[in-house]
Amino acid sequence: MSTLNLTANIERPDDFYADLIDAHEGLSKDESDALNARLVLVLANQIGDYATLKAALDAAALK
């Protein structure tokens, strides 16, 4: 299993959070859910490594 960095590691986290919230502005619940799903897939593609992605899924699911 790949080791994940679960400590804060986002450059300009407040700016990213604001951009994320702004991206959802005016969207319906379904549109917002679809945006989140696309974002997950874009980021998963950026990571690429299956073991890392599986470890992230497990961490997010609190397994």
PDB file of N, CA and C in Angstrom:
ATOM      1  N   MET A   1       0.845  -1.181   0.000  1.00  0.00           N
ATOM      2  CA  MET A   1       0.000   0.000   0.000  1.00  0.00           C
ATOM      3  C   MET A   1       0.886   1.239   0.000  1.00  0.00           C
ATOM      4  N   SER A   2       0.506   2.212  -0.781  1.00  0.00           N
ATOM      5  CA  SER A   2       1.248   3.460  -0.876  1.00  0.00           C
ATOM      6  C   SER A   2       1.035   4.291   0.391  1.00  0.00           C
ATOM      7  N   THR A   3       2.073   5.017   0.782  1.00  0.00           N
ATOM      8  CA  THR A   3       1.971   5.898   1.939  1.00  0.00           C
ATOM      9  C   THR A   3       1.440   7.253   1.496  1.00  0.00           C
ATOM     10  N   LEU A   4       0.395   7.706   2.156  1.00  0.00           N
ATOM     11  CA  LEU A   4      -0.202   9.000   1.824  1.00  0.00           C
ATOM     12  C   LEU A   4       0.328  10.082   2.744  1.00  0.00           C
ATOM     13  N   ASN A   5       0.406  11.275   2.227  1.00  0.00           N
ATOM     14  CA  ASN A   5       0.706  12.440   3.045  1.00  0.00           C
ATOM     15  C   ASN A   5      -0.637  12.976   3.539  1.00  0.00           C
ATOM     16  N   LEU A   6      -0.950  12.750   4.805  1.00  0.00           N
ATOM     17  CA  LEU A   6      -2.218  13.205   5.361  1.00  0.00           C
ATOM     18  C   LEU A   6      -2.062  14.469   6.214  1.00  0.00           C
ATOM     19  N   THR A   7      -0.897  15.088   6.142  1.00  0.00           N
ATOM     20  CA  THR A   7      -0.702  16.371   6.814  1.00  0.00           C
ATOM     21  C   THR A   7      -0.951  17.488   5.807  1.00  0.00           C
ATOM     22  N   ALA A   8      -1.233  18.668   6.330  1.00  0.00           N
ATOM     23  CA  ALA A   8      -1.528  19.811   5.457  1.00  0.00           C
ATOM     24  C   ALA A   8      -0.389  20.004   4.455  1.00  0.00           C
ATOM     25  N   ASN A   9      -0.742  20.047   3.163  1.00  0.00           N
ATOM     26  CA  ASN A   9       0.269  20.121   2.110  1.00  0.00           C
ATOM     27  C   ASN A   9      -0.217  20.933   0.911  1.00  0.00           C
ATOM     28  N   ILE A  10      -1.279  21.695   1.081  1.00  0.00           N
ATOM     29  CA  ILE A  10      -1.836  22.466  -0.029  1.00  0.00           C
ATOM     30  C   ILE A  10      -1.255  23.874   0.004  1.00  0.00           C
ATOM     31  N   GLU A  11      -0.660  24.261  -1.098  1.00  0.00           N
ATOM     32  CA  GLU A  11      -0.168  25.634  -1.221  1.00  0.00           C
ATOM     33  C   GLU A  11      -1.370  26.571  -1.280  1.00  0.00           C
ATOM     34  N   ARG A  12      -1.362  27.607  -0.467  1.00  0.00           N
ATOM     35  CA  ARG A  12      -2.446  28.596  -0.411  1.00  0.00           C
ATOM     36  C   ARG A  12      -3.807  27.930  -0.191  1.00  0.00           C
ATOM     37  N   PRO A  13      -3.960  27.187   0.912  1.00  0.00           N
ATOM     38  CA  PRO A  13      -5.198  26.444   1.156  1.00  0.00           C
ATOM     39  C   PRO A  13      -6.440  27.330   1.223  1.00  0.00           C
ATOM     40  N   ASP A  14      -6.331  28.517   1.789  1.00  0.00           N
ATOM     41  CA  ASP A  14      -7.500  29.400   1.863  1.00  0.00           C
ATOM     42  C   ASP A  14      -7.949  29.848   0.479  1.00  0.00           C
ATOM     43  N   ASP A  15      -6.977  30.131  -0.386  1.00  0.00           N
ATOM     44  CA  ASP A  15      -7.323  30.513  -1.761  1.00  0.00           C
ATOM     45  C   ASP A  15      -7.970  29.349  -2.497  1.00  0.00           C
ATOM     46  N   PHE A  16      -7.421  28.144  -2.316  1.00  0.00           N
ATOM     47  CA  PHE A  16      -8.011  26.980  -2.978  1.00  0.00           C
ATOM     48  C   PHE A  16      -9.428  26.746  -2.486  1.00  0.00           C
ATOM     49  N   TYR A  17      -9.640  26.847  -1.176  1.00  0.00           N
ATOM     50  CA  TYR A  17     -10.974  26.642  -0.625  1.00  0.00           C
ATOM     51  C   TYR A  17     -11.953  27.666  -1.201  1.00  0.00           C
ATOM     52  N   ALA A  18     -11.542  28.919  -1.273  1.00  0.00           N
ATOM     53  CA  ALA A  18     -12.401  29.961  -1.840  1.00  0.00           C
ATOM     54  C   ALA A  18     -12.720  29.662  -3.301  1.00  0.00           C
ATOM     55  N   ASP A  19     -11.729  29.224  -4.073  1.00  0.00           N
ATOM     56  CA  ASP A  19     -11.958  28.865  -5.471  1.00  0.00           C
ATOM     57  C   ASP A  19     -12.916  27.687  -5.590  1.00  0.00           C
ATOM     58  N   LEU A  20     -12.776  26.718  -4.705  1.00  0.00           N
ATOM     59  CA  LEU A  20     -13.665  25.553  -4.706  1.00  0.00           C
ATOM     60  C   LEU A  20     -15.101  25.969  -4.419  1.00  0.00           C
ATOM     61  N   ILE A  21     -15.285  26.805  -3.415  1.00  0.00           N
ATOM     62  CA  ILE A  21     -16.625  27.292  -3.085  1.00  0.00           C
ATOM     63  C   ILE A  21     -17.189  28.104  -4.247  1.00  0.00           C
ATOM     64  N   ASP A  22     -16.364  28.973  -4.826  1.00  0.00           N
ATOM     65  CA  ASP A  22     -16.808  29.784  -5.972  1.00  0.00           C
ATOM     66  C   ASP A  22     -17.232  28.908  -7.151  1.00  0.00           C
ATOM     67  N   ALA A  23     -16.535  27.802  -7.370  1.00  0.00           N
ATOM     68  CA  ALA A  23     -16.867  26.911  -8.486  1.00  0.00           C
ATOM     69  C   ALA A  23     -18.260  26.302  -8.326  1.00  0.00           C
ATOM     70  N   HIS A  24     -18.728  26.211  -7.097  1.00  0.00           N
ATOM     71  CA  HIS A  24     -20.045  25.614  -6.822  1.00  0.00           C
ATOM     72  C   HIS A  24     -21.173  26.648  -6.785  1.00  0.00           C
ATOM     73  N   GLU A  25     -20.796  27.929  -6.804  1.00  0.00           N
ATOM     74  CA  GLU A  25     -21.795  28.992  -6.707  1.00  0.00           C
ATOM     75  C   GLU A  25     -22.824  28.899  -7.823  1.00  0.00           C
ATOM     76  N   GLY A  26     -24.080  28.914  -7.442  1.00  0.00           N
ATOM     77  CA  GLY A  26     -25.171  28.910  -8.407  1.00  0.00           C
ATOM     78  C   GLY A  26     -25.522  27.543  -8.973  1.00  0.00           C
ATOM     79  N   LEU A  27     -24.810  26.500  -8.553  1.00  0.00           N
ATOM     80  CA  LEU A  27     -25.099  25.164  -9.059  1.00  0.00           C
ATOM     81  C   LEU A  27     -26.186  24.493  -8.230  1.00  0.00           C
ATOM     82  N   SER A  28     -26.966  23.665  -8.882  1.00  0.00           N
ATOM     83  CA  SER A  28     -27.926  22.835  -8.155  1.00  0.00           C
ATOM     84  C   SER A  28     -27.154  21.737  -7.418  1.00  0.00           C
ATOM     85  N   LYS A  29     -27.832  21.009  -6.554  1.00  0.00           N
ATOM     86  CA  LYS A  29     -27.194  19.900  -5.838  1.00  0.00           C
ATOM     87  C   LYS A  29     -26.627  18.890  -6.833  1.00  0.00           C
ATOM     88  N   ASP A  30     -27.387  18.532  -7.843  1.00  0.00           N
ATOM     89  CA  ASP A  30     -26.910  17.571  -8.843  1.00  0.00           C
ATOM     90  C   ASP A  30     -25.704  18.102  -9.609  1.00  0.00           C
ATOM     91  N   GLU A  31     -25.740  19.374  -9.994  1.00  0.00           N
ATOM     92  CA  GLU A  31     -24.609  19.976 -10.696  1.00  0.00           C
ATOM     93  C   GLU A  31     -23.372  20.043  -9.802  1.00  0.00           C
ATOM     94  N   SER A  32     -23.578  20.365  -8.530  1.00  0.00           N
ATOM     95  CA  SER A  32     -22.478  20.415  -7.575  1.00  0.00           C
ATOM     96  C   SER A  32     -21.863  19.034  -7.375  1.00  0.00           C
ATOM     97  N   ASP A  33     -22.715  18.026  -7.245  1.00  0.00           N
ATOM     98  CA  ASP A  33     -22.223  16.649  -7.118  1.00  0.00           C
ATOM     99  C   ASP A  33     -21.433  16.228  -8.355  1.00  0.00           C
ATOM    100  N   ALA A  34     -21.913  16.620  -9.530  1.00  0.00           N
ATOM    101  CA  ALA A  34     -21.222  16.279 -10.777  1.00  0.00           C
ATOM    102  C   ALA A  34     -19.865  16.992 -10.851  1.00  0.00           C
ATOM    103  N   LEU A  35     -19.810  18.244 -10.415  1.00  0.00           N
ATOM    104  CA  LEU A  35     -18.539  18.973 -10.382  1.00  0.00           C
ATOM    105  C   LEU A  35     -17.556  18.263  -9.459  1.00  0.00           C
ATOM    106  N   ASN A  36     -18.020  17.859  -8.278  1.00  0.00           N
ATOM    107  CA  ASN A  36     -17.149  17.134  -7.352  1.00  0.00           C
ATOM    108  C   ASN A  36     -16.640  15.834  -7.960  1.00  0.00           C
ATOM    109  N   ALA A  37     -17.520  15.115  -8.643  1.00  0.00           N
ATOM    110  CA  ALA A  37     -17.113  13.852  -9.265  1.00  0.00           C
ATOM    111  C   ALA A  37     -16.057  14.096 -10.347  1.00  0.00           C
ATOM    112  N   ARG A  38     -16.260  15.126 -11.164  1.00  0.00           N
ATOM    113  CA  ARG A  38     -15.270  15.440 -12.201  1.00  0.00           C
ATOM    114  C   ARG A  38     -13.943  15.847 -11.582  1.00  0.00           C
ATOM    115  N   LEU A  39     -14.001  16.625 -10.512  1.00  0.00           N
ATOM    116  CA  LEU A  39     -12.773  17.045  -9.840  1.00  0.00           C
ATOM    117  C   LEU A  39     -12.021  15.845  -9.277  1.00  0.00           C
ATOM    118  N   VAL A  40     -12.733  14.919  -8.671  1.00  0.00           N
ATOM    119  CA  VAL A  40     -12.102  13.703  -8.150  1.00  0.00           C
ATOM    120  C   VAL A  40     -11.411  12.940  -9.277  1.00  0.00           C
ATOM    121  N   LEU A  41     -12.078  12.807 -10.408  1.00  0.00           N
ATOM    122  CA  LEU A  41     -11.496  12.066 -11.532  1.00  0.00           C
ATOM    123  C   LEU A  41     -10.295  12.793 -12.135  1.00  0.00           C
ATOM    124  N   VAL A  42     -10.353  14.117 -12.230  1.00  0.00           N
ATOM    125  CA  VAL A  42      -9.211  14.882 -12.734  1.00  0.00           C
ATOM    126  C   VAL A  42      -8.009  14.711 -11.796  1.00  0.00           C
ATOM    127  N   LEU A  43      -8.248  14.826 -10.490  1.00  0.00           N
ATOM    128  CA  LEU A  43      -7.155  14.672  -9.529  1.00  0.00           C
ATOM    129  C   LEU A  43      -6.642  13.240  -9.484  1.00  0.00           C
ATOM    130  N   ALA A  44      -7.543  12.268  -9.610  1.00  0.00           N
ATOM    131  CA  ALA A  44      -7.115  10.867  -9.649  1.00  0.00           C
ATOM    132  C   ALA A  44      -6.238  10.612 -10.864  1.00  0.00           C
ATOM    133  N   ASN A  45      -6.604  11.200 -11.987  1.00  0.00           N
ATOM    134  CA  ASN A  45      -5.787  11.052 -13.187  1.00  0.00           C
ATOM    135  C   ASN A  45      -4.412  11.679 -12.986  1.00  0.00           C
ATOM    136  N   GLN A  46      -4.365  12.810 -12.302  1.00  0.00           N
ATOM    137  CA  GLN A  46      -3.089  13.470 -12.027  1.00  0.00           C
ATOM    138  C   GLN A  46      -2.198  12.580 -11.163  1.00  0.00           C
ATOM    139  N   ILE A  47      -2.786  11.915 -10.168  1.00  0.00           N
ATOM    140  CA  ILE A  47      -2.029  11.008  -9.293  1.00  0.00           C
ATOM    141  C   ILE A  47      -1.598   9.777 -10.074  1.00  0.00           C
ATOM    142  N   GLY A  48      -2.568   9.165 -10.725  1.00  0.00           N
ATOM    143  CA  GLY A  48      -2.270   8.053 -11.625  1.00  0.00           C
ATOM    144  C   GLY A  48      -2.012   6.699 -10.989  1.00  0.00           C
ATOM    145  N   ASP A  49      -1.280   6.638  -9.916  1.00  0.00           N
ATOM    146  CA  ASP A  49      -0.860   5.376  -9.314  1.00  0.00           C
ATOM    147  C   ASP A  49      -2.018   4.717  -8.566  1.00  0.00           C
ATOM    148  N   TYR A  50      -2.364   3.483  -8.963  1.00  0.00           N
ATOM    149  CA  TYR A  50      -3.509   2.798  -8.362  1.00  0.00           C
ATOM    150  C   TYR A  50      -3.350   2.607  -6.863  1.00  0.00           C
ATOM    151  N   ALA A  51      -2.171   2.214  -6.405  1.00  0.00           N
ATOM    152  CA  ALA A  51      -1.976   1.969  -4.969  1.00  0.00           C
ATOM    153  C   ALA A  51      -2.211   3.251  -4.164  1.00  0.00           C
ATOM    154  N   THR A  52      -1.753   4.361  -4.681  1.00  0.00           N
ATOM    155  CA  THR A  52      -1.967   5.634  -4.004  1.00  0.00           C
ATOM    156  C   THR A  52      -3.451   6.001  -3.996  1.00  0.00           C
ATOM    157  N   LEU A  53      -4.112   5.803  -5.122  1.00  0.00           N
ATOM    158  CA  LEU A  53      -5.543   6.095  -5.200  1.00  0.00           C
ATOM    159  C   LEU A  53      -6.345   5.203  -4.255  1.00  0.00           C
ATOM    160  N   LYS A  54      -6.001   3.933  -4.180  1.00  0.00           N
ATOM    161  CA  LYS A  54      -6.697   3.007  -3.276  1.00  0.00           C
ATOM    162  C   LYS A  54      -6.467   3.410  -1.831  1.00  0.00           C
ATOM    163  N   ALA A  55      -5.250   3.799  -1.489  1.00  0.00           N
ATOM    164  CA  ALA A  55      -4.960   4.241  -0.123  1.00  0.00           C
ATOM    165  C   ALA A  55      -5.761   5.495   0.209  1.00  0.00           C
ATOM    166  N   ALA A  56      -5.902   6.390  -0.759  1.00  0.00           N
ATOM    167  CA  ALA A  56      -6.695   7.600  -0.549  1.00  0.00           C
ATOM    168  C   ALA A  56      -8.170   7.262  -0.356  1.00  0.00           C
ATOM    169  N   LEU A  57      -8.683   6.341  -1.151  1.00  0.00           N
ATOM    170  CA  LEU A  57     -10.067   5.895  -0.964  1.00  0.00           C
ATOM    171  C   LEU A  57     -10.282   5.312   0.419  1.00  0.00           C
ATOM    172  N   ASP A  58      -9.368   4.464   0.832  1.00  0.00           N
ATOM    173  CA  ASP A  58      -9.474   3.847   2.163  1.00  0.00           C
ATOM    174  C   ASP A  58      -9.405   4.903   3.257  1.00  0.00           C
ATOM    175  N   ALA A  59      -8.508   5.867   3.126  1.00  0.00           N
ATOM    176  CA  ALA A  59      -8.384   6.929   4.134  1.00  0.00           C
ATOM    177  C   ALA A  59      -9.640   7.779   4.200  1.00  0.00           C
ATOM    178  N   ALA A  60     -10.197   8.094   3.040  1.00  0.00           N
ATOM    179  CA  ALA A  60     -11.401   8.909   3.001  1.00  0.00           C
ATOM    180  C   ALA A  60     -12.607   8.162   3.568  1.00  0.00           C
ATOM    181  N   ALA A  61     -12.629   6.863   3.381  1.00  0.00           N
ATOM    182  CA  ALA A  61     -13.729   6.041   3.889  1.00  0.00           C
ATOM    183  C   ALA A  61     -13.498   5.645   5.348  1.00  0.00           C
ATOM    184  N   LEU A  62     -12.366   6.069   5.912  1.00  0.00           N
ATOM    185  CA  LEU A  62     -12.009   5.772   7.307  1.00  0.00           C
ATOM    186  C   LEU A  62     -11.930   4.279   7.558  1.00  0.00           C
ATOM    187  N   LYS A  63     -11.395   3.542   6.584  1.00  0.00           N
ATOM    188  CA  LYS A  63     -11.235   2.085   6.729  1.00  0.00           C
ATOM    189  C   LYS A  63     -10.003   1.776   7.513  1.00  0.00           C
TER     190      LYS A  63
END
